[in-house]
PDB file of N, CA and C in Angstrom:
ATOM      1  N   UNK A   1      -9.508  20.085  -8.571  1.00  0.00           N
ATOM      2  CA  UNK A   1     -10.405  19.930  -9.685  1.00  0.00           C
ATOM      3  C   UNK A   1      -9.908  20.761 -10.861  1.00  0.00           C
ATOM      4  N   UNK A   2      -9.144  21.781 -10.604  1.00  0.00           N
ATOM      5  CA  UNK A   2      -8.656  22.640 -11.672  1.00  0.00           C
ATOM      6  C   UNK A   2      -7.405  22.090 -12.344  1.00  0.00           C
ATOM      7  N   UNK A   3      -6.829  21.016 -11.783  1.00  0.00           N
ATOM      8  CA  UNK A   3      -5.597  20.474 -12.345  1.00  0.00           C
ATOM      9  C   UNK A   3      -5.821  19.743 -13.658  1.00  0.00           C
ATOM     10  N   UNK A   4      -6.985  19.206 -13.868  1.00  0.00           N
ATOM     11  CA  UNK A   4      -7.244  18.442 -15.077  1.00  0.00           C
ATOM     12  C   UNK A   4      -8.459  19.008 -15.781  1.00  0.00           C
ATOM     13  N   UNK A   5      -8.317  19.225 -17.043  1.00  0.00           N
ATOM     14  CA  UNK A   5      -9.435  19.723 -17.851  1.00  0.00           C
ATOM     15  C   UNK A   5      -9.884  18.599 -18.781  1.00  0.00           C
ATOM     16  N   UNK A   6     -11.155  18.379 -18.873  1.00  0.00           N
ATOM     17  CA  UNK A   6     -11.691  17.328 -19.718  1.00  0.00           C
ATOM     18  C   UNK A   6     -11.904  17.823 -21.153  1.00  0.00           C
ATOM     19  N   UNK A   7     -10.916  18.491 -21.689  1.00  0.00           N
ATOM     20  CA  UNK A   7     -11.037  19.002 -23.052  1.00  0.00           C
ATOM     21  C   UNK A   7     -10.180  18.221 -24.032  1.00  0.00           C
ATOM     22  N   UNK A   8      -9.240  17.440 -23.542  1.00  0.00           N
ATOM     23  CA  UNK A   8      -8.371  16.665 -24.404  1.00  0.00           C
ATOM     24  C   UNK A   8      -8.942  15.257 -24.512  1.00  0.00           C
ATOM     25  N   UNK A   9      -9.635  14.980 -25.608  1.00  0.00           N
ATOM     26  CA  UNK A   9     -10.290  13.667 -25.745  1.00  0.00           C
ATOM     27  C   UNK A   9      -9.298  12.570 -26.100  1.00  0.00           C
ATOM     28  N   UNK A  10      -8.057  12.946 -26.432  1.00  0.00           N
ATOM     29  CA  UNK A  10      -7.043  11.956 -26.771  1.00  0.00           C
ATOM     30  C   UNK A  10      -6.313  11.407 -25.551  1.00  0.00           C
ATOM     31  N   UNK A  11      -6.474  12.056 -24.413  1.00  0.00           N
ATOM     32  CA  UNK A  11      -5.744  11.646 -23.207  1.00  0.00           C
ATOM     33  C   UNK A  11      -6.722  11.407 -22.069  1.00  0.00           C
ATOM     34  N   UNK A  12      -6.688  10.208 -21.533  1.00  0.00           N
ATOM     35  CA  UNK A  12      -7.542   9.860 -20.399  1.00  0.00           C
ATOM     36  C   UNK A  12      -6.937  10.420 -19.114  1.00  0.00           C
ATOM     37  N   UNK A  13      -7.765  10.809 -18.169  1.00  0.00           N
ATOM     38  CA  UNK A  13      -7.217  11.251 -16.881  1.00  0.00           C
ATOM     39  C   UNK A  13      -6.624  10.060 -16.139  1.00  0.00           C
ATOM     40  N   UNK A  14      -5.649  10.326 -15.299  1.00  0.00           N
ATOM     41  CA  UNK A  14      -5.043   9.257 -14.512  1.00  0.00           C
ATOM     42  C   UNK A  14      -5.977   8.877 -13.369  1.00  0.00           C
ATOM     43  N   UNK A  15      -5.705   7.738 -12.782  1.00  0.00           N
ATOM     44  CA  UNK A  15      -6.490   7.299 -11.619  1.00  0.00           C
ATOM     45  C   UNK A  15      -6.366   8.311 -10.486  1.00  0.00           C
ATOM     46  N   UNK A  16      -5.180   8.865 -10.304  1.00  0.00           N
ATOM     47  CA  UNK A  16      -4.975   9.861  -9.251  1.00  0.00           C
ATOM     48  C   UNK A  16      -5.795  11.121  -9.520  1.00  0.00           C
ATOM     49  N   UNK A  17      -5.846  11.546 -10.781  1.00  0.00           N
ATOM     50  CA  UNK A  17      -6.631  12.730 -11.125  1.00  0.00           C
ATOM     51  C   UNK A  17      -8.113  12.479 -10.894  1.00  0.00           C
ATOM     52  N   UNK A  18      -8.589  11.301 -11.291  1.00  0.00           N
ATOM     53  CA  UNK A  18      -9.998  10.976 -11.069  1.00  0.00           C
ATOM     54  C   UNK A  18     -10.315  10.887  -9.579  1.00  0.00           C
ATOM     55  N   UNK A  19      -9.420  10.288  -8.815  1.00  0.00           N
ATOM     56  CA  UNK A  19      -9.633  10.176  -7.366  1.00  0.00           C
ATOM     57  C   UNK A  19      -9.679  11.562  -6.726  1.00  0.00           C
ATOM     58  N   UNK A  20      -8.773  12.436  -7.124  1.00  0.00           N
ATOM     59  CA  UNK A  20      -8.753  13.799  -6.582  1.00  0.00           C
ATOM     60  C   UNK A  20     -10.032  14.544  -6.957  1.00  0.00           C
ATOM     61  N   UNK A  21     -10.448  14.400  -8.199  1.00  0.00           N
ATOM     62  CA  UNK A  21     -11.682  15.046  -8.648  1.00  0.00           C
ATOM     63  C   UNK A  21     -12.867  14.565  -7.830  1.00  0.00           C
ATOM     64  N   UNK A  22     -12.948  13.265  -7.607  1.00  0.00           N
ATOM     65  CA  UNK A  22     -14.062  12.718  -6.831  1.00  0.00           C
ATOM     66  C   UNK A  22     -14.023  13.199  -5.384  1.00  0.00           C
ATOM     67  N   UNK A  23     -12.829  13.293  -4.791  1.00  0.00           N
ATOM     68  CA  UNK A  23     -12.723  13.815  -3.417  1.00  0.00           C
ATOM     69  C   UNK A  23     -13.220  15.258  -3.355  1.00  0.00           C
ATOM     70  N   UNK A  24     -12.818  16.069  -4.324  1.00  0.00           N
ATOM     71  CA  UNK A  24     -13.213  17.482  -4.321  1.00  0.00           C
ATOM     72  C   UNK A  24     -14.709  17.641  -4.552  1.00  0.00           C
ATOM     73  N   UNK A  25     -15.261  16.854  -5.451  1.00  0.00           N
ATOM     74  CA  UNK A  25     -16.704  16.917  -5.703  1.00  0.00           C
ATOM     75  C   UNK A  25     -17.478  16.470  -4.471  1.00  0.00           C
ATOM     76  N   UNK A  26     -17.010  15.407  -3.828  1.00  0.00           N
ATOM     77  CA  UNK A  26     -17.680  14.920  -2.616  1.00  0.00           C
ATOM     78  C   UNK A  26     -17.623  15.957  -1.503  1.00  0.00           C
ATOM     79  N   UNK A  27     -16.483  16.619  -1.346  1.00  0.00           N
ATOM     80  CA  UNK A  27     -16.355  17.649  -0.308  1.00  0.00           C
ATOM     81  C   UNK A  27     -17.291  18.812  -0.597  1.00  0.00           C
ATOM     82  N   UNK A  28     -17.375  19.214  -1.854  1.00  0.00           N
ATOM     83  CA  UNK A  28     -18.278  20.314  -2.203  1.00  0.00           C
ATOM     84  C   UNK A  28     -19.733  19.922  -1.990  1.00  0.00           C
ATOM     85  N   UNK A  29     -20.091  18.703  -2.349  1.00  0.00           N
ATOM     86  CA  UNK A  29     -21.461  18.235  -2.139  1.00  0.00           C
ATOM     87  C   UNK A  29     -21.804  18.208  -0.651  1.00  0.00           C
ATOM     88  N   UNK A  30     -20.856  17.763   0.177  1.00  0.00           N
ATOM     89  CA  UNK A  30     -21.105  17.732   1.623  1.00  0.00           C
ATOM     90  C   UNK A  30     -21.282  19.139   2.175  1.00  0.00           C
ATOM     91  N   UNK A  31     -20.461  20.074   1.730  1.00  0.00           N
ATOM     92  CA  UNK A  31     -20.600  21.457   2.184  1.00  0.00           C
ATOM     93  C   UNK A  31     -21.963  22.025   1.802  1.00  0.00           C
ATOM     94  N   UNK A  32     -22.387  21.783   0.580  1.00  0.00           N
ATOM     95  CA  UNK A  32     -23.708  22.272   0.146  1.00  0.00           C
ATOM     96  C   UNK A  32     -24.830  21.623   0.941  1.00  0.00           C
ATOM     97  N   UNK A  33     -24.697  20.326   1.181  1.00  0.00           N
ATOM     98  CA  UNK A  33     -25.705  19.622   1.984  1.00  0.00           C
ATOM     99  C   UNK A  33     -25.770  20.200   3.387  1.00  0.00           C
ATOM    100  N   UNK A  34     -24.613  20.398   3.995  1.00  0.00           N
ATOM    101  CA  UNK A  34     -24.573  20.921   5.362  1.00  0.00           C
ATOM    102  C   UNK A  34     -25.209  22.311   5.437  1.00  0.00           C
ATOM    103  N   UNK A  35     -24.918  23.166   4.454  1.00  0.00           N
ATOM    104  CA  UNK A  35     -25.518  24.514   4.435  1.00  0.00           C
ATOM    105  C   UNK A  35     -27.028  24.439   4.246  1.00  0.00           C
ATOM    106  N   UNK A  36     -27.477  23.586   3.325  1.00  0.00           N
ATOM    107  CA  UNK A  36     -28.917  23.449   3.083  1.00  0.00           C
ATOM    108  C   UNK A  36     -29.617  22.869   4.309  1.00  0.00           C
ATOM    109  N   UNK A  37     -29.005  21.896   4.948  1.00  0.00           N
ATOM    110  CA  UNK A  37     -29.569  21.273   6.147  1.00  0.00           C
ATOM    111  C   UNK A  37     -29.719  22.309   7.259  1.00  0.00           C
ATOM    112  N   UNK A  38     -28.672  23.094   7.473  1.00  0.00           N
ATOM    113  CA  UNK A  38     -28.711  24.119   8.516  1.00  0.00           C
ATOM    114  C   UNK A  38     -29.763  25.174   8.195  1.00  0.00           C
ATOM    115  N   UNK A  39     -29.841  25.592   6.944  1.00  0.00           N
ATOM    116  CA  UNK A  39     -30.830  26.604   6.555  1.00  0.00           C
ATOM    117  C   UNK A  39     -32.244  26.072   6.711  1.00  0.00           C
ATOM    118  N   UNK A  40     -32.464  24.818   6.367  1.00  0.00           N
ATOM    119  CA  UNK A  40     -33.786  24.215   6.494  1.00  0.00           C
ATOM    120  C   UNK A  40     -34.246  24.202   7.949  1.00  0.00           C
ATOM    121  N   UNK A  41     -33.374  23.730   8.836  1.00  0.00           N
ATOM    122  CA  UNK A  41     -33.776  23.651  10.234  1.00  0.00           C
ATOM    123  C   UNK A  41     -33.852  25.026  10.892  1.00  0.00           C
ATOM    124  N   UNK A  42     -33.069  25.977  10.429  1.00  0.00           N
ATOM    125  CA  UNK A  42     -33.203  27.346  10.923  1.00  0.00           C
ATOM    126  C   UNK A  42     -34.574  27.894  10.534  1.00  0.00           C
ATOM    127  N   UNK A  43     -34.992  27.586   9.320  1.00  0.00           N
ATOM    128  CA  UNK A  43     -36.313  28.028   8.854  1.00  0.00           C
ATOM    129  C   UNK A  43     -37.416  27.359   9.669  1.00  0.00           C
ATOM    130  N   UNK A  44     -37.277  26.077   9.946  1.00  0.00           N
ATOM    131  CA  UNK A  44     -38.273  25.356  10.740  1.00  0.00           C
ATOM    132  C   UNK A  44     -38.361  25.958  12.148  1.00  0.00           C
ATOM    133  N   UNK A  45     -37.188  26.239  12.765  1.00  0.00           N
ATOM    134  CA  UNK A  45     -37.197  26.859  14.096  1.00  0.00           C
ATOM    135  C   UNK A  45     -37.862  28.231  14.061  1.00  0.00           C
ATOM    136  N   UNK A  46     -37.585  28.982  13.015  1.00  0.00           N
ATOM    137  CA  UNK A  46     -38.191  30.317  12.881  1.00  0.00           C
ATOM    138  C   UNK A  46     -39.704  30.210  12.745  1.00  0.00           C
ATOM    139  N   UNK A  47     -40.161  29.259  11.967  1.00  0.00           N
ATOM    140  CA  UNK A  47     -41.607  29.068  11.807  1.00  0.00           C
ATOM    141  C   UNK A  47     -42.243  28.620  13.129  1.00  0.00           C
ATOM    142  N   UNK A  48     -41.573  27.762  13.873  1.00  0.00           N
ATOM    143  CA  UNK A  48     -42.101  27.284  15.155  1.00  0.00           C
ATOM    144  C   UNK A  48     -42.196  28.411  16.163  1.00  0.00           C
ATOM    145  N   UNK A  49     -41.232  29.332  16.161  1.00  0.00           N
ATOM    146  CA  UNK A  49     -41.270  30.450  17.068  1.00  0.00           C
ATOM    147  C   UNK A  49     -42.390  31.430  16.724  1.00  0.00           C
ATOM    148  N   UNK A  50     -42.766  31.469  15.468  1.00  0.00           N
ATOM    149  CA  UNK A  50     -43.828  32.378  15.045  1.00  0.00           C
ATOM    150  C   UNK A  50     -45.204  31.887  15.512  1.00  0.00           C
ATOM    151  N   UNK A  51     -45.286  30.620  15.842  1.00  0.00           N
ATOM    152  CA  UNK A  51     -46.587  30.082  16.298  1.00  0.00           C
ATOM    153  C   UNK A  51     -46.882  30.575  17.639  1.00  0.00           C
TER     154      UNK A  51
END
């Protein structure tokens, strides 16, 4: 994602750059989802144990 900067309005990113950017964004989104999912269910288990 750091290879291409969207500051040059005169030059379009290549298809390869866009594909790489999308792969990196998707991987980051999945990591965040996985962490949030795990934290949510850990919280649910903790609440259930408190009952």
